[in-house]
Amino acid sequence: MAKRNRKNTKKQIKRRFKEGRGEGTFENYQPWLRIQDTTSRGLSTRIKGWKTNRIHQFLSKLELSYFYLLEWSKDVIDIREQFPLDLPETKAIASELGFKHPIDPFTQEPIVMTTDFVVTLKKNFYSYEIARTIKYTEDLCKKRTLEKFEIEKVYWQNRNINWGIVTEKDINFVSVENIKWLHSYQDRESLPQEITEEHLCKSLFLIFYLLNKNIFILNQITQFCDLELKLSSGKGINIFRYLTANHQFNIDITKPLNPRKKVCMLHQITEGDGR
């Protein structure tokens, strides 16, 4: 199989704009860069998003990790990855700063710069955007990398949008692993057909009650669900993952979710608690 031509050309840029790359929101957004368009550091991944109901494309494990945290946040309503910056503007900014604009090493043509994530958040009925670049700390020592980031920073400042850098030191990887374990269970279709709405309703109250007793490990709770609801073995853990992925339990996502251990809750209801 012939290798895909990843060289940056004016024709390629024009084609991507024509395809609608970098446009739209939610399920209609198309990232400027796709996995097949570039070489990437680490694992490249495609994954369907909870919030957008579309396939997201990530070029590194660090990008994917940050994505999981965004998926879990109740404040985040839209996630756009590999977001393109206006080429004439970034060229002008680079010139003003006295930096060389990023170019394709093969064609020597200026490339369209991208920001790894543009995130829409909503708080108290007010929505706003932030821009985030994902980078390993070891790369922050490189002068050329910092020059590119300065161009990016000014670009977003011109739009009054908060921009920042996220490194591996800013990511709670315990949370990431927990969300990764839950992620494929957010859709109702992820559950076996034998699980009915009645099962889900009863499980919600049963698991909630047992979690707040704080005396059972997770396996005991889910096995009790299997027995109580007359489900085949292993269905209780599926239900727990589905309900938790949909924020039905106030768990502490920063603590490991281990079936052989108790689940850490942010608030346990105690006897006589009137709330």
C-alpha atoms as a PDB file:
ATOM      1  CA  MET A   1       0.000   0.000   0.000  1.00  0.00           C
ATOM      2  CA  ALA A   2       1.331   3.436  -0.942  1.00  0.00           C
ATOM      3  CA  LYS A   3       1.995   5.829   1.914  1.00  0.00           C
ATOM      4  CA  ARG A   4      -0.372   8.773   2.278  1.00  0.00           C
ATOM      5  CA  ASN A   5       1.158  12.064   1.132  1.00  0.00           C
ATOM      6  CA  ARG A   6       1.343  14.218   4.244  1.00  0.00           C
ATOM      7  CA  LYS A   7       3.111  17.157   2.610  1.00  0.00           C
ATOM      8  CA  ASN A   8       1.476  20.527   3.204  1.00  0.00           C
ATOM      9  CA  THR A   9       0.563  22.413   0.022  1.00  0.00           C
ATOM     10  CA  LYS A  10      -1.751  25.272  -0.904  1.00  0.00           C
ATOM     11  CA  LYS A  11      -3.853  22.751  -2.824  1.00  0.00           C
ATOM     12  CA  GLN A  12      -4.144  20.541   0.245  1.00  0.00           C
ATOM     13  CA  ILE A  13      -5.167  23.489   2.457  1.00  0.00           C
ATOM     14  CA  LYS A  14      -7.786  24.524  -0.083  1.00  0.00           C
ATOM     15  CA  ARG A  15      -9.124  20.977  -0.220  1.00  0.00           C
ATOM     16  CA  ARG A  16      -9.457  20.756   3.555  1.00  0.00           C
ATOM     17  CA  PHE A  17     -11.380  24.030   3.710  1.00  0.00           C
ATOM     18  CA  LYS A  18     -13.646  22.745   0.960  1.00  0.00           C
ATOM     19  CA  GLU A  19     -14.283  19.595   3.036  1.00  0.00           C
ATOM     20  CA  GLY A  20     -15.393  21.791   5.927  1.00  0.00           C
ATOM     21  CA  ARG A  21     -12.415  21.016   8.154  1.00  0.00           C
ATOM     22  CA  GLY A  22     -12.403  23.173  11.281  1.00  0.00           C
ATOM     23  CA  GLU A  23     -16.042  24.173  10.858  1.00  0.00           C
ATOM     24  CA  GLY A  24     -19.198  23.278  12.748  1.00  0.00           C
ATOM     25  CA  THR A  25     -19.956  22.375  16.340  1.00  0.00           C
ATOM     26  CA  PHE A  26     -20.952  19.241  18.239  1.00  0.00           C
ATOM     27  CA  GLU A  27     -21.568  16.322  15.840  1.00  0.00           C
ATOM     28  CA  ASN A  28     -21.047  18.551  12.795  1.00  0.00           C
ATOM     29  CA  TYR A  29     -17.483  19.604  13.619  1.00  0.00           C
ATOM     30  CA  GLN A  30     -14.618  18.250  11.518  1.00  0.00           C
ATOM     31  CA  PRO A  31     -11.068  18.472  12.912  1.00  0.00           C
ATOM     32  CA  TRP A  32      -8.464  20.111  10.712  1.00  0.00           C
ATOM     33  CA  LEU A  33      -6.082  17.211  11.197  1.00  0.00           C
ATOM     34  CA  ARG A  34      -7.067  13.574  11.139  1.00  0.00           C
ATOM     35  CA  ILE A  35      -4.954  10.649  12.213  1.00  0.00           C
ATOM     36  CA  GLN A  36      -4.085   9.737   8.650  1.00  0.00           C
ATOM     37  CA  ASP A  37      -2.936  13.309   7.909  1.00  0.00           C
ATOM     38  CA  THR A  38       0.050  13.379  10.224  1.00  0.00           C
ATOM     39  CA  THR A  39       2.623  11.403  12.135  1.00  0.00           C
ATOM     40  CA  SER A  40       1.971  11.537  15.869  1.00  0.00           C
ATOM     41  CA  ARG A  41       3.770  10.950  19.113  1.00  0.00           C
ATOM     42  CA  GLY A  42       2.484   7.887  20.903  1.00  0.00           C
ATOM     43  CA  LEU A  43      -0.891   6.299  20.351  1.00  0.00           C
ATOM     44  CA  SER A  44      -3.273   7.777  17.799  1.00  0.00           C
ATOM     45  CA  THR A  45      -6.888   7.123  18.694  1.00  0.00           C
ATOM     46  CA  ARG A  46     -10.414   7.442  17.354  1.00  0.00           C
ATOM     47  CA  ILE A  47     -13.194   7.422  19.919  1.00  0.00           C
ATOM     48  CA  LYS A  48     -16.868   8.364  19.930  1.00  0.00           C
ATOM     49  CA  GLY A  49     -17.610  11.264  22.264  1.00  0.00           C
ATOM     50  CA  TRP A  50     -20.352  11.430  24.883  1.00  0.00           C
ATOM     51  CA  LYS A  51     -20.988  15.123  24.433  1.00  0.00           C
ATOM     52  CA  THR A  52     -20.707  15.418  20.658  1.00  0.00           C
ATOM     53  CA  ASN A  53     -21.949  12.023  19.455  1.00  0.00           C
ATOM     54  CA  ARG A  54     -19.190  11.973  16.843  1.00  0.00           C
ATOM     55  CA  ILE A  55     -15.830  10.311  16.351  1.00  0.00           C
ATOM     56  CA  HIS A  56     -12.951  12.320  17.841  1.00  0.00           C
ATOM     57  CA  GLN A  57      -9.387  12.004  16.561  1.00  0.00           C
ATOM     58  CA  PHE A  58      -6.396  12.274  18.859  1.00  0.00           C
ATOM     59  CA  LEU A  59      -2.740  12.255  17.937  1.00  0.00           C
ATOM     60  CA  SER A  60      -1.252  11.263  21.306  1.00  0.00           C
ATOM     61  CA  LYS A  61      -2.066   9.460  24.541  1.00  0.00           C
ATOM     62  CA  LEU A  62      -1.855  12.779  26.370  1.00  0.00           C
ATOM     63  CA  GLU A  63      -4.549  14.314  24.159  1.00  0.00           C
ATOM     64  CA  LEU A  64      -6.755  11.278  24.766  1.00  0.00           C
ATOM     65  CA  SER A  65      -6.220  11.517  28.530  1.00  0.00           C
ATOM     66  CA  TYR A  66      -7.251  15.160  28.585  1.00  0.00           C
ATOM     67  CA  PHE A  67     -10.292  14.307  26.459  1.00  0.00           C
ATOM     68  CA  TYR A  68     -11.504  11.795  29.061  1.00  0.00           C
ATOM     69  CA  LEU A  69     -11.371  14.485  31.744  1.00  0.00           C
ATOM     70  CA  LEU A  70     -13.367  16.848  29.519  1.00  0.00           C
ATOM     71  CA  GLU A  71     -15.937  14.132  28.904  1.00  0.00           C
ATOM     72  CA  TRP A  72     -16.449  13.681  32.640  1.00  0.00           C
ATOM     73  CA  SER A  73     -16.827  17.387  33.429  1.00  0.00           C
ATOM     74  CA  LYS A  74     -20.449  18.476  33.744  1.00  0.00           C
ATOM     75  CA  ASP A  75     -19.478  22.014  32.705  1.00  0.00           C
ATOM     76  CA  VAL A  76     -18.163  20.954  29.284  1.00  0.00           C
ATOM     77  CA  ILE A  77     -20.783  20.871  26.519  1.00  0.00           C
ATOM     78  CA  ASP A  78     -18.670  20.719  23.338  1.00  0.00           C
ATOM     79  CA  ILE A  79     -15.156  19.573  22.448  1.00  0.00           C
ATOM     80  CA  ARG A  80     -13.383  20.489  19.209  1.00  0.00           C
ATOM     81  CA  GLU A  81      -9.963  18.972  18.648  1.00  0.00           C
ATOM     82  CA  GLN A  82      -7.265  19.955  16.131  1.00  0.00           C
ATOM     83  CA  PHE A  83      -8.837  23.390  15.709  1.00  0.00           C
ATOM     84  CA  PRO A  84      -7.334  25.442  12.824  1.00  0.00           C
ATOM     85  CA  LEU A  85      -6.093  28.995  13.289  1.00  0.00           C
ATOM     86  CA  ASP A  86      -6.489  31.609  10.565  1.00  0.00           C
ATOM     87  CA  LEU A  87      -3.314  31.392   8.489  1.00  0.00           C
ATOM     88  CA  PRO A  88      -3.014  35.078   7.430  1.00  0.00           C
ATOM     89  CA  GLU A  89      -3.471  36.127  11.055  1.00  0.00           C
ATOM     90  CA  THR A  90      -0.894  33.718  12.494  1.00  0.00           C
ATOM     91  CA  LYS A  91       1.574  34.830   9.802  1.00  0.00           C
ATOM     92  CA  ALA A  92       1.000  38.462  10.813  1.00  0.00           C
ATOM     93  CA  ILE A  93       1.417  37.626  14.510  1.00  0.00           C
ATOM     94  CA  ALA A  94       4.642  35.711  13.829  1.00  0.00           C
ATOM     95  CA  SER A  95       5.995  38.689  11.879  1.00  0.00           C
ATOM     96  CA  GLU A  96       5.110  41.110  14.688  1.00  0.00           C
ATOM     97  CA  LEU A  97       6.821  38.879  17.246  1.00  0.00           C
ATOM     98  CA  GLY A  98       9.863  38.410  15.059  1.00  0.00           C
ATOM     99  CA  PHE A  99       9.365  34.652  14.825  1.00  0.00           C
ATOM    100  CA  LYS A 100       9.437  32.403  11.810  1.00  0.00           C
ATOM    101  CA  HIS A 101       5.990  31.035  11.011  1.00  0.00           C
ATOM    102  CA  PRO A 102       5.772  27.213  11.041  1.00  0.00           C
ATOM    103  CA  ILE A 103       6.345  25.739   7.588  1.00  0.00           C
ATOM    104  CA  ASP A 104       6.170  22.311   5.998  1.00  0.00           C
ATOM    105  CA  PRO A 105       9.741  20.934   5.965  1.00  0.00           C
ATOM    106  CA  PHE A 106       9.242  19.391   2.528  1.00  0.00           C
ATOM    107  CA  THR A 107       7.337  22.070   0.616  1.00  0.00           C
ATOM    108  CA  GLN A 108       8.529  25.082   2.651  1.00  0.00           C
ATOM    109  CA  GLU A 109       4.911  26.313   2.567  1.00  0.00           C
ATOM    110  CA  PRO A 110       3.408  27.949   5.707  1.00  0.00           C
ATOM    111  CA  ILE A 111       1.191  25.454   7.520  1.00  0.00           C
ATOM    112  CA  VAL A 112      -2.178  26.082   9.148  1.00  0.00           C
ATOM    113  CA  MET A 113      -1.467  26.088  12.872  1.00  0.00           C
ATOM    114  CA  THR A 114      -3.875  24.250  15.155  1.00  0.00           C
ATOM    115  CA  THR A 115      -4.882  24.346  18.792  1.00  0.00           C
ATOM    116  CA  ASP A 116      -5.344  20.885  20.291  1.00  0.00           C
ATOM    117  CA  PHE A 117      -8.663  21.662  21.999  1.00  0.00           C
ATOM    118  CA  VAL A 118     -11.277  24.382  21.829  1.00  0.00           C
ATOM    119  CA  VAL A 119     -13.749  23.624  24.607  1.00  0.00           C
ATOM    120  CA  THR A 120     -17.191  25.122  25.197  1.00  0.00           C
ATOM    121  CA  LEU A 121     -18.292  25.297  28.815  1.00  0.00           C
ATOM    122  CA  LYS A 122     -21.589  26.306  30.352  1.00  0.00           C
ATOM    123  CA  LYS A 123     -22.089  27.647  33.870  1.00  0.00           C
ATOM    124  CA  ASN A 124     -25.231  29.287  35.216  1.00  0.00           C
ATOM    125  CA  PHE A 125     -26.785  29.443  31.726  1.00  0.00           C
ATOM    126  CA  TYR A 126     -23.691  31.275  30.402  1.00  0.00           C
ATOM    127  CA  SER A 127     -21.501  29.544  27.807  1.00  0.00           C
ATOM    128  CA  TYR A 128     -17.936  30.467  26.916  1.00  0.00           C
ATOM    129  CA  GLU A 129     -14.902  28.955  25.214  1.00  0.00           C
ATOM    130  CA  ILE A 130     -11.379  28.110  26.302  1.00  0.00           C
ATOM    131  CA  ALA A 131      -8.443  26.951  24.183  1.00  0.00           C
ATOM    132  CA  ARG A 132      -5.938  24.384  25.401  1.00  0.00           C
ATOM    133  CA  THR A 133      -2.671  23.089  23.977  1.00  0.00           C
ATOM    134  CA  ILE A 134      -1.432  19.682  25.128  1.00  0.00           C
ATOM    135  CA  LYS A 135       2.303  19.131  25.504  1.00  0.00           C
ATOM    136  CA  TYR A 136       4.721  17.004  27.481  1.00  0.00           C
ATOM    137  CA  THR A 137       6.837  19.027  29.927  1.00  0.00           C
ATOM    138  CA  GLU A 138      10.082  17.911  28.297  1.00  0.00           C
ATOM    139  CA  ASP A 139       9.032  19.714  25.117  1.00  0.00           C
ATOM    140  CA  LEU A 140       8.540  23.027  26.925  1.00  0.00           C
ATOM    141  CA  CYS A 141      12.302  23.500  27.081  1.00  0.00           C
ATOM    142  CA  LYS A 142      12.559  23.846  23.322  1.00  0.00           C
ATOM    143  CA  LYS A 143      12.869  27.435  22.120  1.00  0.00           C
ATOM    144  CA  ARG A 144      11.060  26.784  18.850  1.00  0.00           C
ATOM    145  CA  THR A 145       8.131  25.157  20.639  1.00  0.00           C
ATOM    146  CA  LEU A 146       7.785  28.178  22.915  1.00  0.00           C
ATOM    147  CA  GLU A 147       7.825  30.519  19.917  1.00  0.00           C
ATOM    148  CA  LYS A 148       4.944  28.611  18.338  1.00  0.00           C
ATOM    149  CA  PHE A 149       3.047  28.733  21.614  1.00  0.00           C
ATOM    150  CA  GLU A 150       3.555  32.491  21.802  1.00  0.00           C
ATOM    151  CA  ILE A 151       1.941  32.865  18.366  1.00  0.00           C
ATOM    152  CA  GLU A 152      -0.943  30.691  19.538  1.00  0.00           C
ATOM    153  CA  LYS A 153      -1.287  32.631  22.784  1.00  0.00           C
ATOM    154  CA  VAL A 154      -1.536  35.997  21.020  1.00  0.00           C
ATOM    155  CA  TYR A 155      -4.029  34.556  18.532  1.00  0.00           C
ATOM    156  CA  TRP A 156      -6.453  33.589  21.311  1.00  0.00           C
ATOM    157  CA  GLN A 157      -5.793  36.771  23.305  1.00  0.00           C
ATOM    158  CA  ASN A 158      -6.977  38.706  20.261  1.00  0.00           C
ATOM    159  CA  ARG A 159     -10.294  36.875  20.645  1.00  0.00           C
ATOM    160  CA  ASN A 160     -10.505  37.304  24.438  1.00  0.00           C
ATOM    161  CA  ILE A 161     -10.448  33.531  24.816  1.00  0.00           C
ATOM    162  CA  ASN A 162      -8.526  31.950  27.680  1.00  0.00           C
ATOM    163  CA  TRP A 163      -5.621  29.885  26.345  1.00  0.00           C
ATOM    164  CA  GLY A 164      -3.336  27.612  28.301  1.00  0.00           C
ATOM    165  CA  ILE A 165      -0.957  24.672  28.160  1.00  0.00           C
ATOM    166  CA  VAL A 166      -1.843  21.308  29.704  1.00  0.00           C
ATOM    167  CA  THR A 167       0.987  18.886  30.511  1.00  0.00           C
ATOM    168  CA  GLU A 168       1.045  15.398  31.998  1.00  0.00           C
ATOM    169  CA  LYS A 169       1.540  17.060  35.405  1.00  0.00           C
ATOM    170  CA  ASP A 170      -1.924  18.623  35.140  1.00  0.00           C
ATOM    171  CA  ILE A 171      -3.707  15.332  34.500  1.00  0.00           C
ATOM    172  CA  ASN A 172      -4.960  12.943  37.176  1.00  0.00           C
ATOM    173  CA  PHE A 173      -4.305   9.605  35.508  1.00  0.00           C
ATOM    174  CA  VAL A 174      -6.320   7.694  38.112  1.00  0.00           C
ATOM    175  CA  SER A 175      -9.358   9.679  37.002  1.00  0.00           C
ATOM    176  CA  VAL A 176      -8.445   9.035  33.383  1.00  0.00           C
ATOM    177  CA  GLU A 177      -8.325   5.256  33.910  1.00  0.00           C
ATOM    178  CA  ASN A 178     -11.659   5.338  35.745  1.00  0.00           C
ATOM    179  CA  ILE A 179     -13.370   7.324  32.985  1.00  0.00           C
ATOM    180  CA  LYS A 180     -11.801   5.088  30.350  1.00  0.00           C
ATOM    181  CA  TRP A 181     -13.307   2.049  32.125  1.00  0.00           C
ATOM    182  CA  LEU A 182     -16.736   3.698  32.153  1.00  0.00           C
ATOM    183  CA  HIS A 183     -16.640   5.411  28.781  1.00  0.00           C
ATOM    184  CA  SER A 184     -18.059   2.717  26.504  1.00  0.00           C
ATOM    185  CA  TYR A 185     -21.051   2.247  28.836  1.00  0.00           C
ATOM    186  CA  GLN A 186     -22.618   5.694  28.566  1.00  0.00           C
ATOM    187  CA  ASP A 187     -25.040   4.663  25.805  1.00  0.00           C
ATOM    188  CA  ARG A 188     -28.112   2.573  26.614  1.00  0.00           C
ATOM    189  CA  GLU A 189     -27.188   0.323  23.684  1.00  0.00           C
ATOM    190  CA  SER A 190     -24.032  -0.755  25.545  1.00  0.00           C
ATOM    191  CA  LEU A 191     -26.107  -2.881  27.937  1.00  0.00           C
ATOM    192  CA  PRO A 192     -27.221  -6.460  27.251  1.00  0.00           C
ATOM    193  CA  GLN A 193     -30.777  -6.746  25.922  1.00  0.00           C
ATOM    194  CA  GLU A 194     -31.942  -8.665  28.975  1.00  0.00           C
ATOM    195  CA  ILE A 195     -31.505  -5.515  31.088  1.00  0.00           C
ATOM    196  CA  THR A 196     -34.809  -3.632  31.056  1.00  0.00           C
ATOM    197  CA  GLU A 197     -35.741  -0.143  32.215  1.00  0.00           C
ATOM    198  CA  GLU A 198     -37.266  -1.746  35.293  1.00  0.00           C
ATOM    199  CA  HIS A 199     -33.932  -3.395  36.068  1.00  0.00           C
ATOM    200  CA  LEU A 200     -32.181  -0.031  35.727  1.00  0.00           C
ATOM    201  CA  CYS A 201     -34.676   1.722  37.972  1.00  0.00           C
ATOM    202  CA  LYS A 202     -34.434  -0.896  40.700  1.00  0.00           C
ATOM    203  CA  SER A 203     -30.648  -1.082  40.375  1.00  0.00           C
ATOM    204  CA  LEU A 204     -30.322   2.671  40.756  1.00  0.00           C
ATOM    205  CA  PHE A 205     -31.912   2.642  44.210  1.00  0.00           C
ATOM    206  CA  LEU A 206     -30.319  -0.642  45.263  1.00  0.00           C
ATOM    207  CA  ILE A 207     -26.766   0.305  44.297  1.00  0.00           C
ATOM    208  CA  PHE A 208     -27.191   3.804  45.715  1.00  0.00           C
ATOM    209  CA  TYR A 209     -28.314   2.342  49.041  1.00  0.00           C
ATOM    210  CA  LEU A 210     -25.490  -0.213  49.213  1.00  0.00           C
ATOM    211  CA  LEU A 211     -22.807   2.277  48.157  1.00  0.00           C
ATOM    212  CA  ASN A 212     -23.784   4.612  50.942  1.00  0.00           C
ATOM    213  CA  LYS A 213     -23.623   1.824  53.504  1.00  0.00           C
ATOM    214  CA  ASN A 214     -19.867   1.960  52.859  1.00  0.00           C
ATOM    215  CA  ILE A 215     -19.337  -1.627  54.013  1.00  0.00           C
ATOM    216  CA  PHE A 216     -19.391  -3.563  50.730  1.00  0.00           C
ATOM    217  CA  ILE A 217     -16.818  -3.861  48.005  1.00  0.00           C
ATOM    218  CA  LEU A 218     -18.045  -3.154  44.469  1.00  0.00           C
ATOM    219  CA  ASN A 219     -18.147  -6.833  43.445  1.00  0.00           C
ATOM    220  CA  GLN A 220     -20.439  -7.635  46.379  1.00  0.00           C
ATOM    221  CA  ILE A 221     -22.798  -4.832  45.416  1.00  0.00           C
ATOM    222  CA  THR A 222     -23.055  -5.825  41.765  1.00  0.00           C
ATOM    223  CA  GLN A 223     -23.376  -9.540  42.564  1.00  0.00           C
ATOM    224  CA  PHE A 224     -26.200  -8.692  44.966  1.00  0.00           C
ATOM    225  CA  CYS A 225     -27.898  -6.873  42.073  1.00  0.00           C
ATOM    226  CA  ASP A 226     -27.590  -9.979  39.911  1.00  0.00           C
ATOM    227  CA  LEU A 227     -29.260 -12.102  42.573  1.00  0.00           C
ATOM    228  CA  GLU A 228     -31.912  -9.608  43.645  1.00  0.00           C
ATOM    229  CA  LEU A 229     -33.007  -8.817  40.076  1.00  0.00           C
ATOM    230  CA  LYS A 230     -32.569 -12.407  38.829  1.00  0.00           C
ATOM    231  CA  LEU A 231     -30.025 -11.376  36.200  1.00  0.00           C
ATOM    232  CA  SER A 232     -27.314 -13.593  34.785  1.00  0.00           C
ATOM    233  CA  SER A 233     -23.930 -13.275  36.450  1.00  0.00           C
ATOM    234  CA  GLY A 234     -21.935 -10.169  35.545  1.00  0.00           C
ATOM    235  CA  LYS A 235     -24.849  -7.964  34.515  1.00  0.00           C
ATOM    236  CA  GLY A 236     -24.743  -5.959  37.745  1.00  0.00           C
ATOM    237  CA  ILE A 237     -21.284  -4.571  36.967  1.00  0.00           C
ATOM    238  CA  ASN A 238     -22.519  -3.526  33.514  1.00  0.00           C
ATOM    239  CA  ILE A 239     -25.393  -1.665  35.129  1.00  0.00           C
ATOM    240  CA  PHE A 240     -23.029   0.015  37.607  1.00  0.00           C
ATOM    241  CA  ARG A 241     -20.793   1.216  34.771  1.00  0.00           C
ATOM    242  CA  TYR A 242     -23.765   2.546  32.797  1.00  0.00           C
ATOM    243  CA  LEU A 243     -25.310   4.388  35.746  1.00  0.00           C
ATOM    244  CA  THR A 244     -21.960   5.783  36.888  1.00  0.00           C
ATOM    245  CA  ALA A 245     -21.054   6.943  33.367  1.00  0.00           C
ATOM    246  CA  ASN A 246     -24.320   8.873  33.422  1.00  0.00           C
ATOM    247  CA  HIS A 247     -23.457  10.540  36.751  1.00  0.00           C
ATOM    248  CA  GLN A 248     -26.140   8.761  38.763  1.00  0.00           C
ATOM    249  CA  PHE A 249     -23.778   8.221  41.701  1.00  0.00           C
ATOM    250  CA  ASN A 250     -21.689  10.933  43.347  1.00  0.00           C
ATOM    251  CA  ILE A 251     -18.443   8.962  43.280  1.00  0.00           C
ATOM    252  CA  ASP A 252     -14.969  10.339  43.797  1.00  0.00           C
ATOM    253  CA  ILE A 253     -13.546   9.859  40.312  1.00  0.00           C
ATOM    254  CA  THR A 254     -10.025  10.650  41.580  1.00  0.00           C
ATOM    255  CA  LYS A 255      -9.920   7.389  43.555  1.00  0.00           C
ATOM    256  CA  PRO A 256      -9.396   4.024  41.803  1.00  0.00           C
ATOM    257  CA  LEU A 257     -12.533   2.129  40.780  1.00  0.00           C
ATOM    258  CA  ASN A 258     -11.599  -1.419  41.748  1.00  0.00           C
ATOM    259  CA  PRO A 259     -14.265  -4.165  41.819  1.00  0.00           C
ATOM    260  CA  ARG A 260     -12.423  -5.715  44.778  1.00  0.00           C
ATOM    261  CA  LYS A 261     -12.565  -2.538  46.844  1.00  0.00           C
ATOM    262  CA  LYS A 262     -15.142  -0.110  48.184  1.00  0.00           C
ATOM    263  CA  VAL A 263     -16.213   2.776  45.976  1.00  0.00           C
ATOM    264  CA  CYS A 264     -15.209   6.165  47.349  1.00  0.00           C
ATOM    265  CA  MET A 265     -18.190   8.505  47.469  1.00  0.00           C
ATOM    266  CA  LEU A 266     -18.035  12.287  47.752  1.00  0.00           C
ATOM    267  CA  HIS A 267     -20.855  12.156  50.273  1.00  0.00           C
ATOM    268  CA  GLN A 268     -22.068   9.185  52.282  1.00  0.00           C
ATOM    269  CA  ILE A 269     -25.610   9.260  53.619  1.00  0.00           C
ATOM    270  CA  THR A 270     -25.598   8.236  57.260  1.00  0.00           C
ATOM    271  CA  GLU A 271     -28.413   7.039  59.466  1.00  0.00           C
ATOM    272  CA  GLY A 272     -30.578   9.976  60.436  1.00  0.00           C
ATOM    273  CA  ASP A 273     -29.294  12.176  57.643  1.00  0.00           C
ATOM    274  CA  GLY A 274     -32.285  14.293  56.726  1.00  0.00           C
ATOM    275  CA  ARG A 275     -30.951  15.507  53.407  1.00  0.00           C
END
